[in-house]
Structures are given as structure tokens and as C-alpha cells.
Amino acid sequence: MKYINKKSSPPKFEQWKKEYQLTETHLSAITSLENEKNKIWGKFSGEIKTKVKELLLNEQSFICCYCQQRIKADKQTTIEHFIARDVDPTKMFDYDNIFV
């Protein structure tokens, strides 16, 4: 696995999380988080998701951290979690936990 030197979470992403109450603190307070995680992850869309994906691609130099192949900025490129949402749903919006 390629080491990615993570930068700080973009301020717009942090603001978006606060607006939708999706910080780790908020998420840990949701009692049915395990059942709701896919619905909650679905809120991450549109302009904010596009911007975060763009920042992640630049941070990774357009290289996949798993297979180290060149990746494109297209709709097939997905955001992945280092710690899976099934393992710890509270980290689903943790910038240090997401890669492309």
C-alpha cells in the first residue's frame, strides 16, 4: 500500500459536516448508526463530494494507494475508507480515513 501524506481536512468539508451534523461526535451519538450508515453516507454528494474527491486525487498524485496504478478524475473513481464503515461508522467522514 502506498503511503499518503494526508493534509488537513478542507475547511469547506468540515463546515459541511457541521451543517449536516456529521462530525465524529455527532455520528457517535446516533443510536441506530449501524443501520443508517448507508443512508447517512448518501448525504455526501454533489459539489462537496466532487471537491473532496478532487483534493484527494491531488493529494495522492492521481495514484491509487492500493494498487499504485494511475487513476482518473471520473465517475468510476470512488472514495474509499481505510477503516471501513462497517468496522467504525463514526469515521465515515473523517478526512484522514478517506482515499480515492
PDB file of N, CA and C in Angstrom:
ATOM      1  N   MET A   1       0.843  -1.173   0.000  1.00  0.00           N
ATOM      2  CA  MET A   1       0.000   0.000   0.000  1.00  0.00           C
ATOM      3  C   MET A   1       0.894   1.243   0.000  1.00  0.00           C
ATOM      4  N   LYS A   2       0.551   2.195  -0.824  1.00  0.00           N
ATOM      5  CA  LYS A   2       1.307   3.437  -0.930  1.00  0.00           C
ATOM      6  C   LYS A   2       0.986   4.346   0.254  1.00  0.00           C
ATOM      7  N   TYR A   3       2.013   4.925   0.852  1.00  0.00           N
ATOM      8  CA  TYR A   3       1.815   5.872   1.940  1.00  0.00           C
ATOM      9  C   TYR A   3       1.316   7.193   1.360  1.00  0.00           C
ATOM     10  N   ILE A   4       0.253   7.721   1.924  1.00  0.00           N
ATOM     11  CA  ILE A   4      -0.294   9.010   1.508  1.00  0.00           C
ATOM     12  C   ILE A   4      -0.082   9.994   2.657  1.00  0.00           C
ATOM     13  N   ASN A   5       0.602  11.067   2.377  1.00  0.00           N
ATOM     14  CA  ASN A   5       0.819  12.111   3.375  1.00  0.00           C
ATOM     15  C   ASN A   5      -0.450  12.961   3.412  1.00  0.00           C
ATOM     16  N   LYS A   6      -1.338  12.665   4.354  1.00  0.00           N
ATOM     17  CA  LYS A   6      -2.626  13.344   4.431  1.00  0.00           C
ATOM     18  C   LYS A   6      -2.443  14.794   4.877  1.00  0.00           C
ATOM     19  N   LYS A   7      -3.150  15.667   4.180  1.00  0.00           N
ATOM     20  CA  LYS A   7      -3.182  17.077   4.554  1.00  0.00           C
ATOM     21  C   LYS A   7      -4.359  17.288   5.498  1.00  0.00           C
ATOM     22  N   SER A   8      -4.505  18.478   5.996  1.00  0.00           N
ATOM     23  CA  SER A   8      -5.630  18.735   6.897  1.00  0.00           C
ATOM     24  C   SER A   8      -6.935  18.752   6.106  1.00  0.00           C
ATOM     25  N   SER A   9      -7.983  18.424   6.789  1.00  0.00           N
ATOM     26  CA  SER A   9      -9.303  18.371   6.174  1.00  0.00           C
ATOM     27  C   SER A   9      -9.686  19.757   5.658  1.00  0.00           C
ATOM     28  N   PRO A  10     -10.220  19.823   4.429  1.00  0.00           N
ATOM     29  CA  PRO A  10     -10.595  21.119   3.856  1.00  0.00           C
ATOM     30  C   PRO A  10     -11.662  21.821   4.707  1.00  0.00           C
ATOM     31  N   PRO A  11     -11.506  23.119   4.941  1.00  0.00           N
ATOM     32  CA  PRO A  11     -12.479  23.851   5.754  1.00  0.00           C
ATOM     33  C   PRO A  11     -13.919  23.730   5.253  1.00  0.00           C
ATOM     34  N   LYS A  12     -14.113  23.723   3.942  1.00  0.00           N
ATOM     35  CA  LYS A  12     -15.483  23.591   3.408  1.00  0.00           C
ATOM     36  C   LYS A  12     -16.082  22.233   3.756  1.00  0.00           C
ATOM     37  N   PHE A  13     -15.256  21.198   3.772  1.00  0.00           N
ATOM     38  CA  PHE A  13     -15.721  19.861   4.141  1.00  0.00           C
ATOM     39  C   PHE A  13     -16.090  19.832   5.619  1.00  0.00           C
ATOM     40  N   GLU A  14     -15.257  20.446   6.454  1.00  0.00           N
ATOM     41  CA  GLU A  14     -15.546  20.494   7.888  1.00  0.00           C
ATOM     42  C   GLU A  14     -16.834  21.276   8.150  1.00  0.00           C
ATOM     43  N   GLN A  15     -17.020  22.377   7.445  1.00  0.00           N
ATOM     44  CA  GLN A  15     -18.244  23.162   7.603  1.00  0.00           C
ATOM     45  C   GLN A  15     -19.465  22.361   7.156  1.00  0.00           C
ATOM     46  N   TRP A  16     -19.344  21.658   6.043  1.00  0.00           N
ATOM     47  CA  TRP A  16     -20.444  20.825   5.534  1.00  0.00           C
ATOM     48  C   TRP A  16     -20.815  19.764   6.575  1.00  0.00           C
ATOM     49  N   LYS A  17     -19.817  19.121   7.180  1.00  0.00           N
ATOM     50  CA  LYS A  17     -20.088  18.098   8.194  1.00  0.00           C
ATOM     51  C   LYS A  17     -20.833  18.694   9.383  1.00  0.00           C
ATOM     52  N   LYS A  18     -20.434  19.875   9.804  1.00  0.00           N
ATOM     53  CA  LYS A  18     -21.113  20.529  10.923  1.00  0.00           C
ATOM     54  C   LYS A  18     -22.552  20.886  10.570  1.00  0.00           C
ATOM     55  N   GLU A  19     -22.762  21.396   9.364  1.00  0.00           N
ATOM     56  CA  GLU A  19     -24.115  21.777   8.930  1.00  0.00           C
ATOM     57  C   GLU A  19     -25.067  20.582   8.939  1.00  0.00           C
ATOM     58  N   TYR A  20     -24.565  19.428   8.508  1.00  0.00           N
ATOM     59  CA  TYR A  20     -25.390  18.219   8.454  1.00  0.00           C
ATOM     60  C   TYR A  20     -25.239  17.354   9.702  1.00  0.00           C
ATOM     61  N   GLN A  21     -24.535  17.859  10.696  1.00  0.00           N
ATOM     62  CA  GLN A  21     -24.268  17.139  11.938  1.00  0.00           C
ATOM     63  C   GLN A  21     -23.655  15.763  11.662  1.00  0.00           C
ATOM     64  N   LEU A  22     -22.577  15.769  10.890  1.00  0.00           N
ATOM     65  CA  LEU A  22     -21.914  14.533  10.500  1.00  0.00           C
ATOM     66  C   LEU A  22     -20.474  14.442  11.004  1.00  0.00           C
ATOM     67  N   THR A  23     -20.172  15.168  12.072  1.00  0.00           N
ATOM     68  CA  THR A  23     -18.848  15.033  12.669  1.00  0.00           C
ATOM     69  C   THR A  23     -18.809  13.709  13.433  1.00  0.00           C
ATOM     70  N   GLU A  24     -17.634  13.265  13.779  1.00  0.00           N
ATOM     71  CA  GLU A  24     -17.500  12.000  14.523  1.00  0.00           C
ATOM     72  C   GLU A  24     -18.296  12.054  15.824  1.00  0.00           C
ATOM     73  N   THR A  25     -18.305  13.219  16.479  1.00  0.00           N
ATOM     74  CA  THR A  25     -19.059  13.388  17.725  1.00  0.00           C
ATOM     75  C   THR A  25     -20.550  13.196  17.487  1.00  0.00           C
ATOM     76  N   HIS A  26     -21.066  13.842  16.444  1.00  0.00           N
ATOM     77  CA  HIS A  26     -22.488  13.695  16.119  1.00  0.00           C
ATOM     78  C   HIS A  26     -22.827  12.242  15.757  1.00  0.00           C
ATOM     79  N   LEU A  27     -21.972  11.642  14.935  1.00  0.00           N
ATOM     80  CA  LEU A  27     -22.240  10.274  14.480  1.00  0.00           C
ATOM     81  C   LEU A  27     -22.226   9.279  15.641  1.00  0.00           C
ATOM     82  N   SER A  28     -21.327   9.481  16.590  1.00  0.00           N
ATOM     83  CA  SER A  28     -21.255   8.534  17.708  1.00  0.00           C
ATOM     84  C   SER A  28     -22.495   8.614  18.597  1.00  0.00           C
ATOM     85  N   ALA A  29     -23.237   9.711  18.503  1.00  0.00           N
ATOM     86  CA  ALA A  29     -24.452   9.868  19.307  1.00  0.00           C
ATOM     87  C   ALA A  29     -25.687   9.234  18.666  1.00  0.00           C
ATOM     88  N   ILE A  30     -25.579   8.811  17.412  1.00  0.00           N
ATOM     89  CA  ILE A  30     -26.723   8.199  16.726  1.00  0.00           C
ATOM     90  C   ILE A  30     -26.815   6.735  17.133  1.00  0.00           C
ATOM     91  N   THR A  31     -27.888   6.392  17.797  1.00  0.00           N
ATOM     92  CA  THR A  31     -28.017   5.026  18.324  1.00  0.00           C
ATOM     93  C   THR A  31     -28.184   3.983  17.222  1.00  0.00           C
ATOM     94  N   SER A  32     -28.801   4.333  16.118  1.00  0.00           N
ATOM     95  CA  SER A  32     -29.016   3.365  15.037  1.00  0.00           C
ATOM     96  C   SER A  32     -28.027   3.575  13.892  1.00  0.00           C
ATOM     97  N   LEU A  33     -26.834   4.060  14.204  1.00  0.00           N
ATOM     98  CA  LEU A  33     -25.848   4.380  13.177  1.00  0.00           C
ATOM     99  C   LEU A  33     -25.527   3.180  12.293  1.00  0.00           C
ATOM    100  N   GLU A  34     -25.395   2.017  12.876  1.00  0.00           N
ATOM    101  CA  GLU A  34     -25.082   0.817  12.093  1.00  0.00           C
ATOM    102  C   GLU A  34     -26.125   0.592  11.005  1.00  0.00           C
ATOM    103  N   ASN A  35     -27.396   0.776  11.331  1.00  0.00           N
ATOM    104  CA  ASN A  35     -28.471   0.581  10.360  1.00  0.00           C
ATOM    105  C   ASN A  35     -28.593   1.744   9.383  1.00  0.00           C
ATOM    106  N   GLU A  36     -28.182   2.921   9.792  1.00  0.00           N
ATOM    107  CA  GLU A  36     -28.377   4.136   8.999  1.00  0.00           C
ATOM    108  C   GLU A  36     -27.151   4.573   8.196  1.00  0.00           C
ATOM    109  N   LYS A  37     -26.030   3.878   8.337  1.00  0.00           N
ATOM    110  CA  LYS A  37     -24.780   4.385   7.766  1.00  0.00           C
ATOM    111  C   LYS A  37     -24.833   4.597   6.259  1.00  0.00           C
ATOM    112  N   ASN A  38     -25.487   3.732   5.508  1.00  0.00           N
ATOM    113  CA  ASN A  38     -25.561   3.915   4.056  1.00  0.00           C
ATOM    114  C   ASN A  38     -26.410   5.121   3.698  1.00  0.00           C
ATOM    115  N   LYS A  39     -27.489   5.319   4.418  1.00  0.00           N
ATOM    116  CA  LYS A  39     -28.344   6.489   4.203  1.00  0.00           C
ATOM    117  C   LYS A  39     -27.572   7.769   4.531  1.00  0.00           C
ATOM    118  N   ILE A  40     -26.828   7.742   5.630  1.00  0.00           N
ATOM    119  CA  ILE A  40     -26.043   8.907   6.042  1.00  0.00           C
ATOM    120  C   ILE A  40     -24.939   9.185   5.021  1.00  0.00           C
ATOM    121  N   TRP A  41     -24.242   8.141   4.561  1.00  0.00           N
ATOM    122  CA  TRP A  41     -23.187   8.316   3.558  1.00  0.00           C
ATOM    123  C   TRP A  41     -23.778   8.899   2.278  1.00  0.00           C
ATOM    124  N   GLY A  42     -25.018   8.576   1.960  1.00  0.00           N
ATOM    125  CA  GLY A  42     -25.693   9.092   0.774  1.00  0.00           C
ATOM    126  C   GLY A  42     -25.852  10.608   0.787  1.00  0.00           C
ATOM    127  N   LYS A  43     -25.772  11.229   1.951  1.00  0.00           N
ATOM    128  CA  LYS A  43     -25.851  12.693   2.032  1.00  0.00           C
ATOM    129  C   LYS A  43     -24.621  13.354   1.428  1.00  0.00           C
ATOM    130  N   PHE A  44     -23.547  12.580   1.322  1.00  0.00           N
ATOM    131  CA  PHE A  44     -22.286  13.091   0.786  1.00  0.00           C
ATOM    132  C   PHE A  44     -22.351  13.024  -0.731  1.00  0.00           C
ATOM    133  N   SER A  45     -22.777  14.121  -1.345  1.00  0.00           N
ATOM    134  CA  SER A  45     -22.951  14.130  -2.792  1.00  0.00           C
ATOM    135  C   SER A  45     -22.779  15.548  -3.330  1.00  0.00           C
ATOM    136  N   GLY A  46     -22.919  15.659  -4.622  1.00  0.00           N
ATOM    137  CA  GLY A  46     -22.890  16.963  -5.258  1.00  0.00           C
ATOM    138  C   GLY A  46     -21.537  17.647  -5.227  1.00  0.00           C
ATOM    139  N   GLU A  47     -21.597  18.956  -5.115  1.00  0.00           N
ATOM    140  CA  GLU A  47     -20.397  19.788  -5.206  1.00  0.00           C
ATOM    141  C   GLU A  47     -19.365  19.462  -4.137  1.00  0.00           C
ATOM    142  N   ILE A  48     -19.809  19.219  -2.910  1.00  0.00           N
ATOM    143  CA  ILE A  48     -18.848  18.951  -1.828  1.00  0.00           C
ATOM    144  C   ILE A  48     -18.107  17.640  -2.068  1.00  0.00           C
ATOM    145  N   LYS A  49     -18.810  16.614  -2.523  1.00  0.00           N
ATOM    146  CA  LYS A  49     -18.156  15.333  -2.790  1.00  0.00           C
ATOM    147  C   LYS A  49     -17.174  15.460  -3.950  1.00  0.00           C
ATOM    148  N   THR A  50     -17.570  16.184  -4.982  1.00  0.00           N
ATOM    149  CA  THR A  50     -16.690  16.408  -6.127  1.00  0.00           C
ATOM    150  C   THR A  50     -15.421  17.129  -5.702  1.00  0.00           C
ATOM    151  N   LYS A  51     -15.568  18.150  -4.866  1.00  0.00           N
ATOM    152  CA  LYS A  51     -14.414  18.923  -4.398  1.00  0.00           C
ATOM    153  C   LYS A  51     -13.493  18.069  -3.523  1.00  0.00           C
ATOM    154  N   VAL A  52     -14.067  17.303  -2.618  1.00  0.00           N
ATOM    155  CA  VAL A  52     -13.251  16.438  -1.751  1.00  0.00           C
ATOM    156  C   VAL A  52     -12.528  15.395  -2.596  1.00  0.00           C
ATOM    157  N   LYS A  53     -13.211  14.794  -3.568  1.00  0.00           N
ATOM    158  CA  LYS A  53     -12.568  13.798  -4.428  1.00  0.00           C
ATOM    159  C   LYS A  53     -11.404  14.431  -5.194  1.00  0.00           C
ATOM    160  N   GLU A  54     -11.601  15.638  -5.682  1.00  0.00           N
ATOM    161  CA  GLU A  54     -10.547  16.366  -6.400  1.00  0.00           C
ATOM    162  C   GLU A  54      -9.337  16.604  -5.493  1.00  0.00           C
ATOM    163  N   LEU A  55      -9.591  17.020  -4.260  1.00  0.00           N
ATOM    164  CA  LEU A  55      -8.496  17.239  -3.310  1.00  0.00           C
ATOM    165  C   LEU A  55      -7.765  15.933  -2.984  1.00  0.00           C
ATOM    166  N   LEU A  56      -8.517  14.863  -2.818  1.00  0.00           N
ATOM    167  CA  LEU A  56      -7.909  13.563  -2.538  1.00  0.00           C
ATOM    168  C   LEU A  56      -7.048  13.100  -3.714  1.00  0.00           C
ATOM    169  N   LEU A  57      -7.556  13.268  -4.928  1.00  0.00           N
ATOM    170  CA  LEU A  57      -6.784  12.883  -6.114  1.00  0.00           C
ATOM    171  C   LEU A  57      -5.466  13.648  -6.177  1.00  0.00           C
ATOM    172  N   ASN A  58      -5.526  14.946  -5.933  1.00  0.00           N
ATOM    173  CA  ASN A  58      -4.299  15.747  -5.947  1.00  0.00           C
ATOM    174  C   ASN A  58      -3.356  15.330  -4.823  1.00  0.00           C
ATOM    175  N   GLU A  59      -3.910  15.069  -3.655  1.00  0.00           N
ATOM    176  CA  GLU A  59      -3.114  14.640  -2.509  1.00  0.00           C
ATOM    177  C   GLU A  59      -2.384  13.332  -2.817  1.00  0.00           C
ATOM    178  N   GLN A  60      -3.044  12.467  -3.548  1.00  0.00           N
ATOM    179  CA  GLN A  60      -2.476  11.155  -3.892  1.00  0.00           C
ATOM    180  C   GLN A  60      -1.718  11.178  -5.214  1.00  0.00           C
ATOM    181  N   SER A  61      -1.588  12.335  -5.835  1.00  0.00           N
ATOM    182  CA  SER A  61      -0.902  12.472  -7.128  1.00  0.00           C
ATOM    183  C   SER A  61      -1.532  11.573  -8.198  1.00  0.00           C
ATOM    184  N   PHE A  62      -2.847  11.386  -8.111  1.00  0.00           N
ATOM    185  CA  PHE A  62      -3.610  10.572  -9.067  1.00  0.00           C
ATOM    186  C   PHE A  62      -3.093   9.129  -9.124  1.00  0.00           C
ATOM    187  N   ILE A  63      -2.614   8.633  -7.978  1.00  0.00           N
ATOM    188  CA  ILE A  63      -2.119   7.258  -7.853  1.00  0.00           C
ATOM    189  C   ILE A  63      -2.972   6.539  -6.820  1.00  0.00           C
ATOM    190  N   CYS A  64      -3.451   5.348  -7.150  1.00  0.00           N
ATOM    191  CA  CYS A  64      -4.228   4.545  -6.215  1.00  0.00           C
ATOM    192  C   CYS A  64      -3.320   4.101  -5.068  1.00  0.00           C
ATOM    193  N   CYS A  65      -3.774   4.307  -3.844  1.00  0.00           N
ATOM    194  CA  CYS A  65      -2.935   3.936  -2.697  1.00  0.00           C
ATOM    195  C   CYS A  65      -2.868   2.415  -2.510  1.00  0.00           C
ATOM    196  N   TYR A  66      -3.782   1.671  -3.128  1.00  0.00           N
ATOM    197  CA  TYR A  66      -3.781   0.210  -3.001  1.00  0.00           C
ATOM    198  C   TYR A  66      -2.916  -0.452  -4.072  1.00  0.00           C
ATOM    199  N   CYS A  67      -3.224  -0.186  -5.344  1.00  0.00           N
ATOM    200  CA  CYS A  67      -2.521  -0.878  -6.432  1.00  0.00           C
ATOM    201  C   CYS A  67      -1.444  -0.026  -7.087  1.00  0.00           C
ATOM    202  N   GLN A  68      -1.364   1.250  -6.741  1.00  0.00           N
ATOM    203  CA  GLN A  68      -0.386   2.202  -7.238  1.00  0.00           C
ATOM    204  C   GLN A  68      -0.479   2.434  -8.744  1.00  0.00           C
ATOM    205  N   GLN A  69      -1.656   2.189  -9.294  1.00  0.00           N
ATOM    206  CA  GLN A  69      -1.907   2.487 -10.704  1.00  0.00           C
ATOM    207  C   GLN A  69      -2.394   3.921 -10.826  1.00  0.00           C
ATOM    208  N   ARG A  70      -2.228   4.491 -11.989  1.00  0.00           N
ATOM    209  CA  ARG A  70      -2.717   5.839 -12.268  1.00  0.00           C
ATOM    210  C   ARG A  70      -4.240   5.808 -12.241  1.00  0.00           C
ATOM    211  N   ILE A  71      -4.872   6.803 -11.636  1.00  0.00           N
ATOM    212  CA  ILE A  71      -6.334   6.876 -11.610  1.00  0.00           C
ATOM    213  C   ILE A  71      -6.794   8.204 -12.200  1.00  0.00           C
ATOM    214  N   LYS A  72      -8.014   8.188 -12.700  1.00  0.00           N
ATOM    215  CA  LYS A  72      -8.584   9.359 -13.364  1.00  0.00           C
ATOM    216  C   LYS A  72      -9.617  10.031 -12.481  1.00  0.00           C
ATOM    217  N   ALA A  73      -9.865  11.277 -12.794  1.00  0.00           N
ATOM    218  CA  ALA A  73     -10.915  12.041 -12.116  1.00  0.00           C
ATOM    219  C   ALA A  73     -12.204  11.844 -12.909  1.00  0.00           C
ATOM    220  N   ASP A  74     -12.814  10.682 -12.747  1.00  0.00           N
ATOM    221  CA  ASP A  74     -14.067  10.412 -13.451  1.00  0.00           C
ATOM    222  C   ASP A  74     -15.081   9.791 -12.502  1.00  0.00           C
ATOM    223  N   LYS A  75     -16.240   9.483 -13.016  1.00  0.00           N
ATOM    224  CA  LYS A  75     -17.318   8.958 -12.170  1.00  0.00           C
ATOM    225  C   LYS A  75     -17.049   7.549 -11.670  1.00  0.00           C
ATOM    226  N   GLN A  76     -16.110   6.837 -12.283  1.00  0.00           N
ATOM    227  CA  GLN A  76     -15.789   5.484 -11.831  1.00  0.00           C
ATOM    228  C   GLN A  76     -14.831   5.495 -10.640  1.00  0.00           C
ATOM    229  N   THR A  77     -14.152   6.604 -10.432  1.00  0.00           N
ATOM    230  CA  THR A  77     -13.245   6.733  -9.301  1.00  0.00           C
ATOM    231  C   THR A  77     -14.082   6.951  -8.044  1.00  0.00           C
ATOM    232  N   THR A  78     -13.859   6.109  -7.052  1.00  0.00           N
ATOM    233  CA  THR A  78     -14.672   6.182  -5.838  1.00  0.00           C
ATOM    234  C   THR A  78     -13.837   6.574  -4.630  1.00  0.00           C
ATOM    235  N   ILE A  79     -14.545   7.076  -3.638  1.00  0.00           N
ATOM    236  CA  ILE A  79     -13.907   7.381  -2.356  1.00  0.00           C
ATOM    237  C   ILE A  79     -13.994   6.116  -1.501  1.00  0.00           C
ATOM    238  N   GLU A  80     -12.854   5.713  -0.986  1.00  0.00           N
ATOM    239  CA  GLU A  80     -12.741   4.511  -0.166  1.00  0.00           C
ATOM    240  C   GLU A  80     -12.386   4.891   1.270  1.00  0.00           C
ATOM    241  N   HIS A  81     -12.654   3.976   2.167  1.00  0.00           N
ATOM    242  CA  HIS A  81     -12.339   4.180   3.581  1.00  0.00           C
ATOM    243  C   HIS A  81     -11.225   3.231   4.002  1.00  0.00           C
ATOM    244  N   PHE A  82     -10.235   3.752   4.698  1.00  0.00           N
ATOM    245  CA  PHE A  82      -9.182   2.895   5.238  1.00  0.00           C
ATOM    246  C   PHE A  82      -9.784   2.008   6.322  1.00  0.00           C
ATOM    247  N   ILE A  83     -10.479   2.624   7.277  1.00  0.00           N
ATOM    248  CA  ILE A  83     -11.250   1.867   8.265  1.00  0.00           C
ATOM    249  C   ILE A  83     -12.677   1.830   7.725  1.00  0.00           C
ATOM    250  N   ALA A  84     -13.129   0.656   7.348  1.00  0.00           N
ATOM    251  CA  ALA A  84     -14.426   0.504   6.686  1.00  0.00           C
ATOM    252  C   ALA A  84     -15.580   1.031   7.535  1.00  0.00           C
ATOM    253  N   ARG A  85     -16.614   1.500   6.849  1.00  0.00           N
ATOM    254  CA  ARG A  85     -17.811   1.987   7.547  1.00  0.00           C
ATOM    255  C   ARG A  85     -18.434   0.889   8.393  1.00  0.00           C
ATOM    256  N   ASP A  86     -18.292  -0.368   7.973  1.00  0.00           N
ATOM    257  CA  ASP A  86     -18.830  -1.484   8.758  1.00  0.00           C
ATOM    258  C   ASP A  86     -18.064  -1.666  10.066  1.00  0.00           C
ATOM    259  N   VAL A  87     -16.791  -1.354  10.051  1.00  0.00           N
ATOM    260  CA  VAL A  87     -15.952  -1.520  11.239  1.00  0.00           C
ATOM    261  C   VAL A  87     -16.169  -0.368  12.215  1.00  0.00           C
ATOM    262  N   ASP A  88     -16.165   0.868  11.705  1.00  0.00           N
ATOM    263  CA  ASP A  88     -16.365   2.037  12.559  1.00  0.00           C
ATOM    264  C   ASP A  88     -17.093   3.132  11.773  1.00  0.00           C
ATOM    265  N   PRO A  89     -18.421   3.098  11.794  1.00  0.00           N
ATOM    266  CA  PRO A  89     -19.195   4.084  11.032  1.00  0.00           C
ATOM    267  C   PRO A  89     -18.939   5.533  11.441  1.00  0.00           C
ATOM    268  N   THR A  90     -18.442   5.762  12.650  1.00  0.00           N
ATOM    269  CA  THR A  90     -18.207   7.144  13.079  1.00  0.00           C
ATOM    270  C   THR A  90     -17.068   7.797  12.293  1.00  0.00           C
ATOM    271  N   LYS A  91     -16.256   6.999  11.616  1.00  0.00           N
ATOM    272  CA  LYS A  91     -15.120   7.532  10.865  1.00  0.00           C
ATOM    273  C   LYS A  91     -15.425   7.708   9.380  1.00  0.00           C
ATOM    274  N   MET A  92     -16.688   7.552   8.985  1.00  0.00           N
ATOM    275  CA  MET A  92     -17.003   7.609   7.555  1.00  0.00           C
ATOM    276  C   MET A  92     -16.736   8.961   6.925  1.00  0.00           C
ATOM    277  N   PHE A  93     -16.740  10.041   7.702  1.00  0.00           N
ATOM    278  CA  PHE A  93     -16.461  11.368   7.168  1.00  0.00           C
ATOM    279  C   PHE A  93     -15.160  11.948   7.733  1.00  0.00           C
ATOM    280  N   ASP A  94     -14.328  11.089   8.287  1.00  0.00           N
ATOM    281  CA  ASP A  94     -13.029  11.510   8.820  1.00  0.00           C
ATOM    282  C   ASP A  94     -12.062  11.619   7.640  1.00  0.00           C
ATOM    283  N   TYR A  95     -11.587  12.830   7.368  1.00  0.00           N
ATOM    284  CA  TYR A  95     -10.737  13.061   6.198  1.00  0.00           C
ATOM    285  C   TYR A  95      -9.496  12.173   6.200  1.00  0.00           C
ATOM    286  N   ASP A  96      -8.946  11.880   7.370  1.00  0.00           N
ATOM    287  CA  ASP A  96      -7.782  11.013   7.459  1.00  0.00           C
ATOM    288  C   ASP A  96      -8.093   9.564   7.098  1.00  0.00           C
ATOM    289  N   ASN A  97      -9.368   9.233   7.009  1.00  0.00           N
ATOM    290  CA  ASN A  97      -9.793   7.863   6.746  1.00  0.00           C
ATOM    291  C   ASN A  97     -10.274   7.650   5.310  1.00  0.00           C
ATOM    292  N   ILE A  98     -10.257   8.690   4.487  1.00  0.00           N
ATOM    293  CA  ILE A  98     -10.774   8.519   3.114  1.00  0.00           C
ATOM    294  C   ILE A  98      -9.685   8.738   2.072  1.00  0.00           C
ATOM    295  N   PHE A  99      -9.785   7.948   1.020  1.00  0.00           N
ATOM    296  CA  PHE A  99      -8.836   7.954  -0.100  1.00  0.00           C
ATOM    297  C   PHE A  99      -9.622   7.704  -1.373  1.00  0.00           C
ATOM    298  N   VAL A 100      -8.963   7.882  -2.537  1.00  0.00           N
ATOM    299  CA  VAL A 100      -9.614   7.523  -3.810  1.00  0.00           C
ATOM    300  C   VAL A 100      -8.879   6.349  -4.416  1.00  0.00           C
TER     301      VAL A 100
END
